[in-house]
Amino acid sequence: MNLVIASGKGGTGKTTVATSLAVTLARHGQTVAYVDCDVETPNGHLFLKPMVTRERPVEKLVPRVNQETCLLCGLCAAVCRFNAIACLPDQTLVYEELCHGCGGCTRVCPVGAITEAPHPVGVVKVGAAGAIQFVSGTLNVGESTSPPVIRATRQAAPAADWTILDAPPGTACPMMEAVRGSDYVVLVTEPTPFGLHDLRLALEVVKTFDLPCGVVVNRAQPGATEARDLCRQARVRILAEIPDAVAIAKEYSRGQLVVETVPGLREIFDQLCLRLLEEVPKEKCPHEMRQRLEAAIRASSQSPATGPPAAGDPFSTPRLAAPRQREEPTRAASAS
C-alpha cells in the first residue's frame, strides 16, 4: 500500500503526520517503510532517528560534446526544452545543472558528436528506525532538478504493508513525481488563507492523476469551518483534525515524535488509521491486513496503558470529522 503524505505548501505539518502515522502503524504490528521524498529538505530523520546502514549516489546522464566533430548545426539546442545546451558560432556549451538527462540531444545529433556521461545529483540513504524501514533521498547542493533523486528514493523502498511517502511540498514537478503511481494521497493543510489556497491547488493535482485522497487539518481551531467548507465543496473527506496546541509545537521543536509524547495524539492517529482503512482501495489493502490492524487498534484502545487522556487535558476530546456517508465519492474534485 503506497500512501503519499503531501501538502500544497511547506510548513503545514506534513512530516509530523507522515512520521506519526508510520510509528502508529508499526506499533500496531504492520510492516512499515517510511520514504522521505522531500529530497531538497529531508527532515524525517530528525524525528525517527534511524540507523543508516548503506547509501548510494544518484546520477543522471548529461551530454558531452566533441567540439572537433560538432557541426554547430544547433539541432541539439533546438530539441532541448530546458535550455541546457547553447550553440554559439564557435562552440556548443552544455549547462549540466539545467539538464534533465532526457537524451534528446544525442538522438538528434547528425554526426554523433554528443555522448552521455554520469553526473552525480544526490544520494539515497537506507536504514531502519526500530521496526520502521527508513529510506531518505538528498539532492546535492547546487542541483536544480530533484525528480531523478525522488525516483531513486522510491525505487529503494523495501516491500512493506504500508509504504509512507513523505512528498515534497507544493504542486510542482517534485510533488507530482512523488504522487505518481501511488494508491492514496493524504493532503495536510492548515486553516489559514495560504493553506487553504494551496490545498485547492493540491486537490487539482491529485485530480489530474485520478487518485483517491483525503485531508488532514493540522493546527485546527474551534469554530474555524473554512477547511471543512472547502472539502465539502470538493467532496473530499477530512480524515482527522489535529488541534492547534503549544504542547505539539514544543515537542516538535525538540525533535520528538509528537504522537508518542503529547497526550491524546495516539487516539487521533489510531482513528486516522481506521479511516484510512475505509478509504484506501480494497484491492491494495488485503482483508487479512485490514483485520489485523483493526483488531490491534481496538485492543489498544481498551488497554489501561493507552487509555483515555487525563482529565482536563486539551486533547481529551480529539477533534475528528464525522464519518461521511459511504455513497459519497472519495476522489478529489475541483473546488468551485
C-alpha atoms as a PDB file:
ATOM      1  CA  MET A   1       0.000   0.000   0.000  1.00  0.00           C
ATOM      2  CA  ASN A   2       1.696   3.185  -1.217  1.00  0.00           C
ATOM      3  CA  LEU A   3       0.383   6.116   0.822  1.00  0.00           C
ATOM      4  CA  VAL A   4       1.613   9.616  -0.047  1.00  0.00           C
ATOM      5  CA  ILE A   5       1.550  12.399   2.565  1.00  0.00           C
ATOM      6  CA  ALA A   6       1.591  15.675   0.634  1.00  0.00           C
ATOM      7  CA  SER A   7       0.721  19.340   1.058  1.00  0.00           C
ATOM      8  CA  GLY A   8       0.147  22.346  -1.152  1.00  0.00           C
ATOM      9  CA  LYS A   9       2.692  24.399   0.785  1.00  0.00           C
ATOM     10  CA  GLY A  10       5.514  23.922   3.235  1.00  0.00           C
ATOM     11  CA  GLY A  11       5.116  24.152   6.995  1.00  0.00           C
ATOM     12  CA  THR A  12       1.690  22.556   7.296  1.00  0.00           C
ATOM     13  CA  GLY A  13       2.873  19.588   9.372  1.00  0.00           C
ATOM     14  CA  LYS A  14       3.307  17.069   6.572  1.00  0.00           C
ATOM     15  CA  THR A  15       6.328  15.349   8.099  1.00  0.00           C
ATOM     16  CA  THR A  16       4.695  15.385  11.538  1.00  0.00           C
ATOM     17  CA  VAL A  17       1.752  13.473  10.099  1.00  0.00           C
ATOM     18  CA  ALA A  18       3.939  11.126   8.000  1.00  0.00           C
ATOM     19  CA  THR A  19       6.285  10.114  10.829  1.00  0.00           C
ATOM     20  CA  SER A  20       3.479   9.837  13.397  1.00  0.00           C
ATOM     21  CA  LEU A  21       1.423   7.679  11.057  1.00  0.00           C
ATOM     22  CA  ALA A  22       4.413   5.429  10.360  1.00  0.00           C
ATOM     23  CA  VAL A  23       5.041   4.964  14.089  1.00  0.00           C
ATOM     24  CA  THR A  24       1.347   4.294  14.766  1.00  0.00           C
ATOM     25  CA  LEU A  25       1.092   1.610  12.074  1.00  0.00           C
ATOM     26  CA  ALA A  26       4.314  -0.061  13.241  1.00  0.00           C
ATOM     27  CA  ARG A  27       3.128  -0.052  16.852  1.00  0.00           C
ATOM     28  CA  HIS A  28       0.051  -1.995  15.744  1.00  0.00           C
ATOM     29  CA  GLY A  29       2.117  -4.725  14.102  1.00  0.00           C
ATOM     30  CA  GLN A  30       2.111  -3.526  10.496  1.00  0.00           C
ATOM     31  CA  THR A  31       5.301  -3.610   8.445  1.00  0.00           C
ATOM     32  CA  VAL A  32       6.120  -0.020   7.503  1.00  0.00           C
ATOM     33  CA  ALA A  33       8.591   1.712   5.206  1.00  0.00           C
ATOM     34  CA  TYR A  34       8.997   5.464   5.670  1.00  0.00           C
ATOM     35  CA  VAL A  35      10.330   7.054   2.473  1.00  0.00           C
ATOM     36  CA  ASP A  36      11.409  10.700   2.669  1.00  0.00           C
ATOM     37  CA  CYS A  37      10.951  12.050  -0.854  1.00  0.00           C
ATOM     38  CA  ASP A  38      11.344  15.686   0.206  1.00  0.00           C
ATOM     39  CA  VAL A  39      14.869  15.500  -1.166  1.00  0.00           C
ATOM     40  CA  GLU A  40      15.614  19.228  -1.068  1.00  0.00           C
ATOM     41  CA  THR A  41      14.977  19.454   2.688  1.00  0.00           C
ATOM     42  CA  PRO A  42      14.590  15.948   4.144  1.00  0.00           C
ATOM     43  CA  ASN A  43      13.911  16.018   7.878  1.00  0.00           C
ATOM     44  CA  GLY A  44      12.125  12.773   8.720  1.00  0.00           C
ATOM     45  CA  HIS A  45      15.385  11.518  10.224  1.00  0.00           C
ATOM     46  CA  LEU A  46      15.229  14.247  12.863  1.00  0.00           C
ATOM     47  CA  PHE A  47      12.183  12.558  14.392  1.00  0.00           C
ATOM     48  CA  LEU A  48      12.625   8.866  13.554  1.00  0.00           C
ATOM     49  CA  LYS A  49      16.369   8.931  14.316  1.00  0.00           C
ATOM     50  CA  PRO A  50      17.221   5.940  12.093  1.00  0.00           C
ATOM     51  CA  MET A  51      20.370   3.884  11.934  1.00  0.00           C
ATOM     52  CA  VAL A  52      21.597   4.283   8.346  1.00  0.00           C
ATOM     53  CA  THR A  53      23.168   1.078   7.061  1.00  0.00           C
ATOM     54  CA  ARG A  54      24.016   1.991   3.491  1.00  0.00           C
ATOM     55  CA  GLU A  55      23.908   4.821   0.988  1.00  0.00           C
ATOM     56  CA  ARG A  56      24.469   5.140  -2.707  1.00  0.00           C
ATOM     57  CA  PRO A  57      24.879   8.059  -5.100  1.00  0.00           C
ATOM     58  CA  VAL A  58      22.216   9.069  -7.595  1.00  0.00           C
ATOM     59  CA  GLU A  59      23.412  10.065 -11.048  1.00  0.00           C
ATOM     60  CA  LYS A  60      21.887  11.411 -14.211  1.00  0.00           C
ATOM     61  CA  LEU A  61      23.326  11.281 -17.722  1.00  0.00           C
ATOM     62  CA  VAL A  62      24.436  14.620 -19.152  1.00  0.00           C
ATOM     63  CA  PRO A  63      25.768  15.384 -22.653  1.00  0.00           C
ATOM     64  CA  ARG A  64      29.428  15.703 -23.552  1.00  0.00           C
ATOM     65  CA  VAL A  65      30.143  17.477 -26.838  1.00  0.00           C
ATOM     66  CA  ASN A  66      33.133  16.644 -29.018  1.00  0.00           C
ATOM     67  CA  GLN A  67      33.902  20.148 -30.284  1.00  0.00           C
ATOM     68  CA  GLU A  68      36.115  18.836 -33.103  1.00  0.00           C
ATOM     69  CA  THR A  69      33.301  16.726 -34.552  1.00  0.00           C
ATOM     70  CA  CYS A  70      30.432  19.140 -33.831  1.00  0.00           C
ATOM     71  CA  LEU A  71      28.933  20.799 -36.919  1.00  0.00           C
ATOM     72  CA  LEU A  72      27.446  23.680 -34.882  1.00  0.00           C
ATOM     73  CA  CYS A  73      24.122  22.910 -36.582  1.00  0.00           C
ATOM     74  CA  GLY A  74      22.091  23.823 -33.489  1.00  0.00           C
ATOM     75  CA  LEU A  75      19.764  20.803 -33.604  1.00  0.00           C
ATOM     76  CA  CYS A  76      20.709  19.801 -30.049  1.00  0.00           C
ATOM     77  CA  ALA A  77      19.877  23.260 -28.700  1.00  0.00           C
ATOM     78  CA  ALA A  78      16.591  23.314 -30.601  1.00  0.00           C
ATOM     79  CA  VAL A  79      15.396  19.994 -29.150  1.00  0.00           C
ATOM     80  CA  CYS A  80      16.308  20.846 -25.532  1.00  0.00           C
ATOM     81  CA  ARG A  81      13.234  22.146 -23.714  1.00  0.00           C
ATOM     82  CA  PHE A  82      15.285  23.200 -20.709  1.00  0.00           C
ATOM     83  CA  ASN A  83      17.900  25.375 -22.459  1.00  0.00           C
ATOM     84  CA  ALA A  84      20.683  23.137 -21.182  1.00  0.00           C
ATOM     85  CA  ILE A  85      22.580  23.430 -24.489  1.00  0.00           C
ATOM     86  CA  ALA A  86      23.585  26.613 -26.263  1.00  0.00           C
ATOM     87  CA  CYS A  87      25.048  26.536 -29.766  1.00  0.00           C
ATOM     88  CA  LEU A  88      27.381  29.505 -30.325  1.00  0.00           C
ATOM     89  CA  PRO A  89      29.162  30.422 -33.565  1.00  0.00           C
ATOM     90  CA  ASP A  90      32.392  28.758 -32.436  1.00  0.00           C
ATOM     91  CA  GLN A  91      31.346  26.108 -29.882  1.00  0.00           C
ATOM     92  CA  THR A  92      28.463  24.276 -28.227  1.00  0.00           C
ATOM     93  CA  LEU A  93      28.052  24.799 -24.487  1.00  0.00           C
ATOM     94  CA  VAL A  94      26.358  22.433 -22.011  1.00  0.00           C
ATOM     95  CA  TYR A  95      24.822  23.624 -18.724  1.00  0.00           C
ATOM     96  CA  GLU A  96      24.774  20.429 -16.661  1.00  0.00           C
ATOM     97  CA  GLU A  97      22.715  21.929 -13.832  1.00  0.00           C
ATOM     98  CA  LEU A  98      19.837  22.558 -16.252  1.00  0.00           C
ATOM     99  CA  CYS A  99      19.963  19.167 -17.963  1.00  0.00           C
ATOM    100  CA  HIS A 100      17.151  16.693 -17.207  1.00  0.00           C
ATOM    101  CA  GLY A 101      19.001  13.750 -18.745  1.00  0.00           C
ATOM    102  CA  CYS A 102      16.363  13.023 -21.402  1.00  0.00           C
ATOM    103  CA  GLY A 103      18.956  12.104 -24.056  1.00  0.00           C
ATOM    104  CA  GLY A 104      17.208  14.018 -26.827  1.00  0.00           C
ATOM    105  CA  CYS A 105      20.347  15.864 -27.882  1.00  0.00           C
ATOM    106  CA  THR A 106      22.262  12.631 -28.505  1.00  0.00           C
ATOM    107  CA  ARG A 107      19.458  11.329 -30.704  1.00  0.00           C
ATOM    108  CA  VAL A 108      19.249  14.350 -32.998  1.00  0.00           C
ATOM    109  CA  CYS A 109      22.968  14.955 -33.486  1.00  0.00           C
ATOM    110  CA  PRO A 110      23.623  14.030 -37.141  1.00  0.00           C
ATOM    111  CA  VAL A 111      27.311  13.152 -36.655  1.00  0.00           C
ATOM    112  CA  GLY A 112      27.306  11.553 -33.183  1.00  0.00           C
ATOM    113  CA  ALA A 113      29.303  14.373 -31.640  1.00  0.00           C
ATOM    114  CA  ILE A 114      27.345  14.112 -28.380  1.00  0.00           C
ATOM    115  CA  THR A 115      27.815  11.306 -25.868  1.00  0.00           C
ATOM    116  CA  GLU A 116      26.479  10.976 -22.338  1.00  0.00           C
ATOM    117  CA  ALA A 117      28.370  10.783 -19.051  1.00  0.00           C
ATOM    118  CA  PRO A 118      27.136  10.267 -15.471  1.00  0.00           C
ATOM    119  CA  HIS A 119      26.741  13.340 -13.296  1.00  0.00           C
ATOM    120  CA  PRO A 120      26.082  12.991  -9.517  1.00  0.00           C
ATOM    121  CA  VAL A 121      22.893  14.747  -8.379  1.00  0.00           C
ATOM    122  CA  GLY A 122      22.182  13.295  -4.952  1.00  0.00           C
ATOM    123  CA  VAL A 123      22.344  10.406  -2.532  1.00  0.00           C
ATOM    124  CA  VAL A 124      19.896   7.821  -1.166  1.00  0.00           C
ATOM    125  CA  LYS A 125      20.258   6.539   2.397  1.00  0.00           C
ATOM    126  CA  VAL A 126      18.690   3.303   3.648  1.00  0.00           C
ATOM    127  CA  GLY A 127      18.376   2.087   7.211  1.00  0.00           C
ATOM    128  CA  ALA A 128      15.897   1.405   9.987  1.00  0.00           C
ATOM    129  CA  ALA A 129      14.282   3.221  12.894  1.00  0.00           C
ATOM    130  CA  GLY A 130      13.250   0.397  15.178  1.00  0.00           C
ATOM    131  CA  ALA A 131      10.633  -1.626  13.319  1.00  0.00           C
ATOM    132  CA  ILE A 132      10.298   1.027  10.606  1.00  0.00           C
ATOM    133  CA  GLN A 133      12.313   0.661   7.410  1.00  0.00           C
ATOM    134  CA  PHE A 134      13.798   4.044   6.530  1.00  0.00           C
ATOM    135  CA  VAL A 135      14.723   5.490   3.134  1.00  0.00           C
ATOM    136  CA  SER A 136      15.710   9.112   2.503  1.00  0.00           C
ATOM    137  CA  GLY A 137      16.943  10.985  -0.553  1.00  0.00           C
ATOM    138  CA  THR A 138      19.026  14.152  -0.551  1.00  0.00           C
ATOM    139  CA  LEU A 139      19.589  16.433  -3.535  1.00  0.00           C
ATOM    140  CA  ASN A 140      23.144  17.727  -3.879  1.00  0.00           C
ATOM    141  CA  VAL A 141      23.691  21.402  -3.167  1.00  0.00           C
ATOM    142  CA  GLY A 142      23.558  23.419  -6.385  1.00  0.00           C
ATOM    143  CA  GLU A 143      21.409  20.921  -8.289  1.00  0.00           C
ATOM    144  CA  SER A 144      18.073  22.178  -9.577  1.00  0.00           C
ATOM    145  CA  THR A 145      16.303  19.011 -10.734  1.00  0.00           C
ATOM    146  CA  SER A 146      15.071  16.782  -7.934  1.00  0.00           C
ATOM    147  CA  PRO A 147      12.854  14.226  -9.799  1.00  0.00           C
ATOM    148  CA  PRO A 148      15.777  11.834 -10.543  1.00  0.00           C
ATOM    149  CA  VAL A 149      16.586  11.672  -6.826  1.00  0.00           C
ATOM    150  CA  ILE A 150      12.921  11.224  -5.911  1.00  0.00           C
ATOM    151  CA  ARG A 151      12.606   8.334  -8.381  1.00  0.00           C
ATOM    152  CA  ALA A 152      15.732   6.667  -6.988  1.00  0.00           C
ATOM    153  CA  THR A 153      14.441   7.138  -3.434  1.00  0.00           C
ATOM    154  CA  ARG A 154      11.124   5.489  -4.256  1.00  0.00           C
ATOM    155  CA  GLN A 155      12.855   2.614  -6.017  1.00  0.00           C
ATOM    156  CA  ALA A 156      14.974   1.946  -2.921  1.00  0.00           C
ATOM    157  CA  ALA A 157      11.929   1.404  -0.704  1.00  0.00           C
ATOM    158  CA  PRO A 158      11.660  -2.180   0.601  1.00  0.00           C
ATOM    159  CA  ALA A 159       8.418  -4.159   0.443  1.00  0.00           C
ATOM    160  CA  ALA A 160       6.051  -3.447   3.352  1.00  0.00           C
ATOM    161  CA  ASP A 161       2.381  -3.487   4.293  1.00  0.00           C
ATOM    162  CA  TRP A 162       2.459   0.314   4.255  1.00  0.00           C
ATOM    163  CA  THR A 163       4.909   2.478   2.336  1.00  0.00           C
ATOM    164  CA  ILE A 164       4.599   6.038   3.660  1.00  0.00           C
ATOM    165  CA  LEU A 165       5.934   8.512   1.096  1.00  0.00           C
ATOM    166  CA  ASP A 166       6.715  11.938   2.590  1.00  0.00           C
ATOM    167  CA  ALA A 167       6.333  14.096  -0.528  1.00  0.00           C
ATOM    168  CA  PRO A 168       7.931  17.474  -1.296  1.00  0.00           C
ATOM    169  CA  PRO A 169       5.647  20.428  -0.531  1.00  0.00           C
ATOM    170  CA  GLY A 170       3.907  22.388  -3.260  1.00  0.00           C
ATOM    171  CA  THR A 171       2.316  21.342  -6.533  1.00  0.00           C
ATOM    172  CA  ALA A 172       5.248  21.419  -8.943  1.00  0.00           C
ATOM    173  CA  CYS A 173       7.196  18.582 -10.590  1.00  0.00           C
ATOM    174  CA  PRO A 174       8.800  17.222  -7.374  1.00  0.00           C
ATOM    175  CA  MET A 175       5.424  16.723  -5.693  1.00  0.00           C
ATOM    176  CA  MET A 176       3.979  15.160  -8.850  1.00  0.00           C
ATOM    177  CA  GLU A 177       6.899  12.731  -9.066  1.00  0.00           C
ATOM    178  CA  ALA A 178       6.223  11.555  -5.517  1.00  0.00           C
ATOM    179  CA  VAL A 179       2.458  11.219  -6.072  1.00  0.00           C
ATOM    180  CA  ARG A 180       2.686   9.431  -9.412  1.00  0.00           C
ATOM    181  CA  GLY A 181       1.743   5.757  -9.188  1.00  0.00           C
ATOM    182  CA  SER A 182       0.616   5.870  -5.550  1.00  0.00           C
ATOM    183  CA  ASP A 183      -2.531   4.240  -4.137  1.00  0.00           C
ATOM    184  CA  TYR A 184      -3.864   7.025  -1.926  1.00  0.00           C
ATOM    185  CA  VAL A 185      -2.916  10.623  -1.099  1.00  0.00           C
ATOM    186  CA  VAL A 186      -3.298  12.346   2.264  1.00  0.00           C
ATOM    187  CA  LEU A 187      -3.165  16.132   1.894  1.00  0.00           C
ATOM    188  CA  VAL A 188      -2.127  18.016   5.026  1.00  0.00           C
ATOM    189  CA  THR A 189      -3.369  21.585   5.347  1.00  0.00           C
ATOM    190  CA  GLU A 190      -3.816  24.318   7.914  1.00  0.00           C
ATOM    191  CA  PRO A 191      -6.812  26.650   8.358  1.00  0.00           C
ATOM    192  CA  THR A 192      -5.106  29.774   7.017  1.00  0.00           C
ATOM    193  CA  PRO A 193      -5.767  31.679   3.778  1.00  0.00           C
ATOM    194  CA  PHE A 194      -2.463  30.460   2.292  1.00  0.00           C
ATOM    195  CA  GLY A 195      -3.013  26.906   3.496  1.00  0.00           C
ATOM    196  CA  LEU A 196      -6.496  26.648   2.008  1.00  0.00           C
ATOM    197  CA  HIS A 197      -5.463  28.316  -1.259  1.00  0.00           C
ATOM    198  CA  ASP A 198      -2.670  25.804  -1.743  1.00  0.00           C
ATOM    199  CA  LEU A 199      -4.956  22.932  -0.704  1.00  0.00           C
ATOM    200  CA  ARG A 200      -7.161  23.806  -3.685  1.00  0.00           C
ATOM    201  CA  LEU A 201      -4.131  23.581  -5.968  1.00  0.00           C
ATOM    202  CA  ALA A 202      -3.071  20.259  -4.463  1.00  0.00           C
ATOM    203  CA  LEU A 203      -6.565  18.836  -4.933  1.00  0.00           C
ATOM    204  CA  GLU A 204      -6.372  19.758  -8.612  1.00  0.00           C
ATOM    205  CA  VAL A 205      -3.058  17.927  -8.958  1.00  0.00           C
ATOM    206  CA  VAL A 206      -4.442  14.791  -7.309  1.00  0.00           C
ATOM    207  CA  LYS A 207      -7.499  15.018  -9.542  1.00  0.00           C
ATOM    208  CA  THR A 208      -5.201  15.109 -12.575  1.00  0.00           C
ATOM    209  CA  PHE A 209      -3.695  11.776 -11.514  1.00  0.00           C
ATOM    210  CA  ASP A 210      -7.179  10.366 -10.799  1.00  0.00           C
ATOM    211  CA  LEU A 211      -6.164   9.244  -7.317  1.00  0.00           C
ATOM    212  CA  PRO A 212      -8.349   8.916  -4.205  1.00  0.00           C
ATOM    213  CA  CYS A 213      -7.436  11.310  -1.430  1.00  0.00           C
ATOM    214  CA  GLY A 214      -8.389  12.689   1.963  1.00  0.00           C
ATOM    215  CA  VAL A 215      -7.395  15.677   4.074  1.00  0.00           C
ATOM    216  CA  VAL A 216      -5.807  16.101   7.495  1.00  0.00           C
ATOM    217  CA  VAL A 217      -6.253  19.543   9.033  1.00  0.00           C
ATOM    218  CA  ASN A 218      -3.308  20.463  11.248  1.00  0.00           C
ATOM    219  CA  ARG A 219      -3.432  23.255  13.824  1.00  0.00           C
ATOM    220  CA  ALA A 220      -7.218  23.030  13.739  1.00  0.00           C
ATOM    221  CA  GLN A 221      -9.040  25.684  15.746  1.00  0.00           C
ATOM    222  CA  PRO A 222     -12.552  25.542  17.257  1.00  0.00           C
ATOM    223  CA  GLY A 223     -15.042  27.414  15.135  1.00  0.00           C
ATOM    224  CA  ALA A 224     -12.831  27.518  12.023  1.00  0.00           C
ATOM    225  CA  THR A 225     -15.003  25.994   9.319  1.00  0.00           C
ATOM    226  CA  GLU A 226     -13.201  27.132   6.162  1.00  0.00           C
ATOM    227  CA  ALA A 227     -11.328  23.843   5.656  1.00  0.00           C
ATOM    228  CA  ARG A 228     -14.484  21.824   6.183  1.00  0.00           C
ATOM    229  CA  ASP A 229     -16.410  24.009   3.756  1.00  0.00           C
ATOM    230  CA  LEU A 230     -13.699  23.625   1.113  1.00  0.00           C
ATOM    231  CA  CYS A 231     -13.553  19.841   1.499  1.00  0.00           C
ATOM    232  CA  ARG A 232     -17.339  19.607   1.395  1.00  0.00           C
ATOM    233  CA  GLN A 233     -17.379  21.514  -1.888  1.00  0.00           C
ATOM    234  CA  ALA A 234     -14.577  19.336  -3.274  1.00  0.00           C
ATOM    235  CA  ARG A 235     -16.330  16.193  -1.983  1.00  0.00           C
ATOM    236  CA  VAL A 236     -13.184  15.088  -0.184  1.00  0.00           C
ATOM    237  CA  ARG A 237     -13.246  13.607   3.293  1.00  0.00           C
ATOM    238  CA  ILE A 238     -11.494  15.174   6.266  1.00  0.00           C
ATOM    239  CA  LEU A 239      -9.732  12.220   7.851  1.00  0.00           C
ATOM    240  CA  ALA A 240      -8.551  13.932  11.034  1.00  0.00           C
ATOM    241  CA  GLU A 241      -8.084  17.288  12.710  1.00  0.00           C
ATOM    242  CA  ILE A 242      -5.033  17.880  14.879  1.00  0.00           C
ATOM    243  CA  PRO A 243      -5.565  20.650  17.457  1.00  0.00           C
ATOM    244  CA  ASP A 244      -3.537  23.837  17.497  1.00  0.00           C
ATOM    245  CA  ALA A 245      -1.600  23.405  20.750  1.00  0.00           C
ATOM    246  CA  VAL A 246       1.611  24.722  22.251  1.00  0.00           C
ATOM    247  CA  ALA A 247       2.483  21.230  23.527  1.00  0.00           C
ATOM    248  CA  ILE A 248       2.775  19.922  19.965  1.00  0.00           C
ATOM    249  CA  ALA A 249       4.984  22.822  18.885  1.00  0.00           C
ATOM    250  CA  LYS A 250       7.286  22.339  21.878  1.00  0.00           C
ATOM    251  CA  GLU A 251       7.769  18.629  21.262  1.00  0.00           C
ATOM    252  CA  TYR A 252       8.272  19.221  17.534  1.00  0.00           C
ATOM    253  CA  SER A 253      10.955  21.838  18.223  1.00  0.00           C
ATOM    254  CA  ARG A 254      12.790  19.249  20.352  1.00  0.00           C
ATOM    255  CA  GLY A 255      12.739  16.701  17.543  1.00  0.00           C
ATOM    256  CA  GLN A 256      10.319  14.420  19.391  1.00  0.00           C
ATOM    257  CA  LEU A 257       7.643  12.218  17.843  1.00  0.00           C
ATOM    258  CA  VAL A 258       4.550  14.077  18.990  1.00  0.00           C
ATOM    259  CA  VAL A 259       2.342  11.000  18.691  1.00  0.00           C
ATOM    260  CA  GLU A 260       4.479   9.378  21.390  1.00  0.00           C
ATOM    261  CA  THR A 261       4.872  12.354  23.715  1.00  0.00           C
ATOM    262  CA  VAL A 262       1.721  14.520  23.547  1.00  0.00           C
ATOM    263  CA  PRO A 263      -1.342  13.101  25.332  1.00  0.00           C
ATOM    264  CA  GLY A 264      -4.315  12.490  23.062  1.00  0.00           C
ATOM    265  CA  LEU A 265      -2.468  12.246  19.768  1.00  0.00           C
ATOM    266  CA  ARG A 266      -2.317   8.451  19.865  1.00  0.00           C
ATOM    267  CA  GLU A 267      -6.100   8.353  19.781  1.00  0.00           C
ATOM    268  CA  ILE A 268      -6.233  10.774  16.875  1.00  0.00           C
ATOM    269  CA  PHE A 269      -3.756   8.768  14.811  1.00  0.00           C
ATOM    270  CA  ASP A 270      -5.459   5.488  15.696  1.00  0.00           C
ATOM    271  CA  GLN A 271      -8.690   6.943  14.327  1.00  0.00           C
ATOM    272  CA  LEU A 272      -6.812   8.191  11.282  1.00  0.00           C
ATOM    273  CA  CYS A 273      -5.619   4.631  10.603  1.00  0.00           C
ATOM    274  CA  LEU A 274      -9.167   3.298  10.856  1.00  0.00           C
ATOM    275  CA  ARG A 275     -10.449   5.903   8.459  1.00  0.00           C
ATOM    276  CA  LEU A 276      -7.688   5.144   6.001  1.00  0.00           C
ATOM    277  CA  LEU A 277      -8.829   1.522   6.030  1.00  0.00           C
ATOM    278  CA  GLU A 278     -12.270   2.757   4.981  1.00  0.00           C
ATOM    279  CA  GLU A 279     -10.839   4.935   2.234  1.00  0.00           C
ATOM    280  CA  VAL A 280      -7.973   3.099   0.561  1.00  0.00           C
ATOM    281  CA  PRO A 281      -8.741   0.855  -2.424  1.00  0.00           C
ATOM    282  CA  LYS A 282      -9.770  -2.592  -1.212  1.00  0.00           C
ATOM    283  CA  GLU A 283      -7.521  -4.366  -3.711  1.00  0.00           C
ATOM    284  CA  LYS A 284      -4.473  -2.505  -2.355  1.00  0.00           C
ATOM    285  CA  CYS A 285      -5.125  -3.455   1.271  1.00  0.00           C
ATOM    286  CA  PRO A 286      -5.775  -7.201   1.731  1.00  0.00           C
ATOM    287  CA  HIS A 287      -8.630  -8.249   4.005  1.00  0.00           C
ATOM    288  CA  GLU A 288      -6.313 -10.029   6.441  1.00  0.00           C
ATOM    289  CA  MET A 289      -4.135  -6.947   6.816  1.00  0.00           C
ATOM    290  CA  ARG A 290      -7.221  -4.807   7.497  1.00  0.00           C
ATOM    291  CA  GLN A 291      -8.451  -7.229  10.123  1.00  0.00           C
ATOM    292  CA  ARG A 292      -5.090  -7.356  11.893  1.00  0.00           C
ATOM    293  CA  LEU A 293      -4.819  -3.573  12.048  1.00  0.00           C
ATOM    294  CA  GLU A 294      -8.409  -3.048  13.178  1.00  0.00           C
ATOM    295  CA  ALA A 295      -8.041  -5.691  15.907  1.00  0.00           C
ATOM    296  CA  ALA A 296      -4.770  -4.169  17.145  1.00  0.00           C
ATOM    297  CA  ILE A 297      -6.269  -0.659  17.329  1.00  0.00           C
ATOM    298  CA  ARG A 298      -9.376  -1.894  19.142  1.00  0.00           C
ATOM    299  CA  ALA A 299      -7.249  -3.805  21.625  1.00  0.00           C
ATOM    300  CA  SER A 300      -5.010  -0.790  22.157  1.00  0.00           C
ATOM    301  CA  SER A 301      -7.972   1.484  22.852  1.00  0.00           C
ATOM    302  CA  GLN A 302      -9.147  -0.878  25.615  1.00  0.00           C
ATOM    303  CA  SER A 303      -5.733  -1.235  27.222  1.00  0.00           C
ATOM    304  CA  PRO A 304      -5.211   0.693  30.502  1.00  0.00           C
ATOM    305  CA  ALA A 305      -1.698   1.643  29.326  1.00  0.00           C
ATOM    306  CA  THR A 306      -3.113   3.523  26.369  1.00  0.00           C
ATOM    307  CA  GLY A 307      -6.396   4.592  27.909  1.00  0.00           C
ATOM    308  CA  PRO A 308      -8.066   7.988  27.623  1.00  0.00           C
ATOM    309  CA  PRO A 309      -6.071  11.166  28.336  1.00  0.00           C
ATOM    310  CA  ALA A 310      -6.037  12.596  31.788  1.00  0.00           C
ATOM    311  CA  ALA A 311      -8.979  14.763  32.789  1.00  0.00           C
ATOM    312  CA  GLY A 312      -8.511  18.372  31.814  1.00  0.00           C
ATOM    313  CA  ASP A 313      -6.129  17.510  29.018  1.00  0.00           C
ATOM    314  CA  PRO A 314      -6.777  19.751  25.966  1.00  0.00           C
ATOM    315  CA  PHE A 315      -6.919  16.639  23.784  1.00  0.00           C
ATOM    316  CA  SER A 316      -9.412  14.717  25.915  1.00  0.00           C
ATOM    317  CA  THR A 317     -11.925  15.108  23.102  1.00  0.00           C
ATOM    318  CA  PRO A 318      -9.971  14.621  19.845  1.00  0.00           C
ATOM    319  CA  ARG A 319     -11.309  16.829  17.061  1.00  0.00           C
ATOM    320  CA  LEU A 320     -12.200  14.375  14.337  1.00  0.00           C
ATOM    321  CA  ALA A 321     -14.592  14.844  11.457  1.00  0.00           C
ATOM    322  CA  ALA A 322     -17.795  12.798  11.483  1.00  0.00           C
ATOM    323  CA  PRO A 323     -17.719   9.755   9.172  1.00  0.00           C
ATOM    324  CA  ARG A 324     -19.002  10.529   5.724  1.00  0.00           C
ATOM    325  CA  GLN A 325     -21.811   8.645   4.037  1.00  0.00           C
ATOM    326  CA  ARG A 326     -20.454   5.672   2.153  1.00  0.00           C
ATOM    327  CA  GLU A 327     -22.013   6.682  -1.157  1.00  0.00           C
ATOM    328  CA  GLU A 328     -20.026   9.927  -1.253  1.00  0.00           C
ATOM    329  CA  PRO A 329     -17.161   9.783  -3.801  1.00  0.00           C
ATOM    330  CA  THR A 330     -13.655   9.733  -2.389  1.00  0.00           C
ATOM    331  CA  ARG A 331     -11.841  11.125  -5.388  1.00  0.00           C
ATOM    332  CA  ALA A 332     -10.657  14.709  -5.449  1.00  0.00           C
ATOM    333  CA  ALA A 333     -12.910  17.038  -7.387  1.00  0.00           C
ATOM    334  CA  SER A 334     -12.469  20.619  -8.402  1.00  0.00           C
ATOM    335  CA  ALA A 335     -13.424  23.100  -5.673  1.00  0.00           C
ATOM    336  CA  SER A 336     -15.529  25.674  -7.446  1.00  0.00           C
END
